[in-house]
Each structure stands twice: as C-alpha cells, then as structure tokens.
Protein backbone atom coordinates (compact mmCIF):
# COMPACT_ATOMS: atom_id res chain seq x y z
CA MET A 1 -11.40 1.44 7.30
CA LYS A 2 -11.43 4.46 9.57
CA VAL A 3 -12.59 7.75 8.04
CA CYS A 4 -9.24 9.32 8.91
CA ASP A 5 -7.49 6.61 6.85
CA SER A 6 -9.81 6.85 3.85
CA ASP A 7 -8.44 10.25 2.77
CA ASN A 8 -4.80 9.13 2.76
CA PHE A 9 -3.04 8.95 -0.59
CA ASP A 10 0.15 7.39 -1.90
CA SER A 11 2.32 8.62 -4.71
CA TYR A 12 4.51 6.10 -6.53
CA LYS A 13 7.52 7.22 -8.55
CA SER A 14 9.22 5.21 -11.28
CA ASP A 15 12.54 5.29 -9.38
CA GLY A 16 11.16 2.95 -6.69
CA THR A 17 10.34 5.62 -4.13
CA GLY A 18 7.04 7.02 -2.97
CA ASP A 19 5.26 9.05 -0.32
CA THR A 20 2.22 8.46 1.85
CA ASP A 21 0.24 11.58 2.79
CA GLU A 22 -2.33 11.57 5.60
CA GLY A 23 -4.65 13.85 3.62
CA PRO A 24 -6.84 16.45 5.33
CA THR A 25 -7.73 14.23 8.32
CA ARG A 26 -5.04 12.58 10.46
CA CYS A 27 -6.00 9.80 12.88
CA ASP A 28 -3.43 11.10 15.37
CA GLU A 29 -2.46 14.76 15.17
CA SER A 30 1.04 13.88 16.43
CA ASP A 31 1.65 11.70 13.34
CA PRO A 32 3.61 13.28 10.49
CA GLN A 33 1.60 14.63 7.57
CA ALA A 34 3.64 12.57 5.10
CA TRP A 35 6.41 10.00 5.05
CA PRO A 36 8.50 8.30 2.36
CA PHE A 37 8.63 4.64 1.39
CA VAL A 38 10.49 2.51 -1.14
CA TRP A 39 8.96 -0.13 -3.38
CA GLU A 40 10.07 -2.63 -6.00
CA PHE A 41 8.68 -5.35 -8.21
CA ALA A 42 9.64 -8.98 -7.51
CA ASP A 43 9.05 -12.36 -9.18
CA ASN A 44 8.75 -11.06 -12.75
CA GLU A 45 6.58 -8.11 -11.65
CA THR A 46 3.95 -10.35 -10.02
CA LYS A 47 4.72 -9.05 -6.52
CA LEU A 48 5.23 -5.67 -4.89
CA VAL A 49 7.70 -5.30 -2.02
CA PHE A 50 7.44 -2.27 0.24
CA ASP A 51 10.29 -1.03 2.43
CA TYR A 52 12.26 -4.21 1.66
CA PHE A 53 10.05 -6.61 3.63
CA ALA A 54 6.28 -6.27 3.10
CA GLU A 55 5.40 -8.42 0.08
CA TYR A 56 2.07 -8.38 -1.76
CA THR A 57 0.77 -10.24 -4.80
CA LEU A 58 0.04 -7.86 -7.65
CA VAL A 59 -3.52 -8.46 -8.93
CA GLU A 60 -4.00 -5.46 -11.25
CA LEU A 61 -1.87 -2.52 -12.34
CA THR A 62 -3.14 0.01 -14.87
CA GLU A 63 -2.80 3.77 -15.38
CA THR A 64 -5.61 4.32 -12.87
CA THR A 65 -5.76 1.21 -10.65
CA LEU A 66 -3.43 -0.62 -8.29
CA LYS A 67 -4.78 -3.78 -6.69
CA PHE A 68 -2.74 -6.14 -4.54
CA ARG A 69 -3.39 -9.03 -2.18
CA SER A 70 -1.83 -10.29 1.00
CA THR A 71 -2.52 -13.36 3.10
CA PHE A 72 -1.66 -14.26 6.65
CA GLU A 73 -2.49 -16.98 9.11
CA LYS A 74 -3.70 -16.44 12.65
CA ASN A 75 -4.82 -19.18 15.03
CA GLY A 76 -4.98 -21.69 12.19
CA VAL A 77 -7.17 -19.49 9.98
CA THR A 78 -5.84 -18.03 6.72
CA TYR A 79 -6.99 -14.49 5.95
CA THR A 80 -6.81 -12.75 2.57
CA ILE A 81 -6.81 -8.98 2.25
CA ASP A 82 -7.39 -7.28 -1.11
CA GLU A 83 -6.47 -3.61 -1.40
CA THR A 84 -7.52 -1.49 -4.37
CA TYR A 85 -6.35 2.06 -5.06
CA SER A 86 -7.42 4.27 -7.91
CA HIS A 87 -7.48 7.85 -9.10
C-alpha cells in the first residue's frame, strides 16, 4: 500500500451511505479530498456490495473492525485479497 493511501479513512453510515476521505496526504493533488459511496449487505449479511457492483465477502464486522475478502482470476491464477479496517 502506498503511504498516501494508508492515511485514507472511510465512514460508514447506517443508512447505506458513506464517505472516503484522502486524509492528510493525497496521492494526486488534483483528486478530490473526499467522495461519497453507497453500500449494502447481501446474502444474509455475508457480503458487502459497494456502489451497486463491487461485491466482497464479509469476514468480520465488530464495533472496531471491518474485514472483507475479494477474489479474482488473472491468467489462470486465482488471487485472494483480504482487507482489514479498524479504529
């Protein structure tokens, strides 16, 4: 992860909206400081869907931790990415 990405933070609201903020360091100064997104649970709250198309498997969700997983295939190889966010 680039240093300029590591200070970004997301805020999730219970109404299915949220915001991503670039934090103090932006990777590209022409990028906006913040932008909105929408999210929802799917498949009995086992998946998270962002902006109606990006789907992730929910691994852990507590008051302080959000962990989800995505997989994709490229050139016959399957890759798994785990993302963990906490505060």
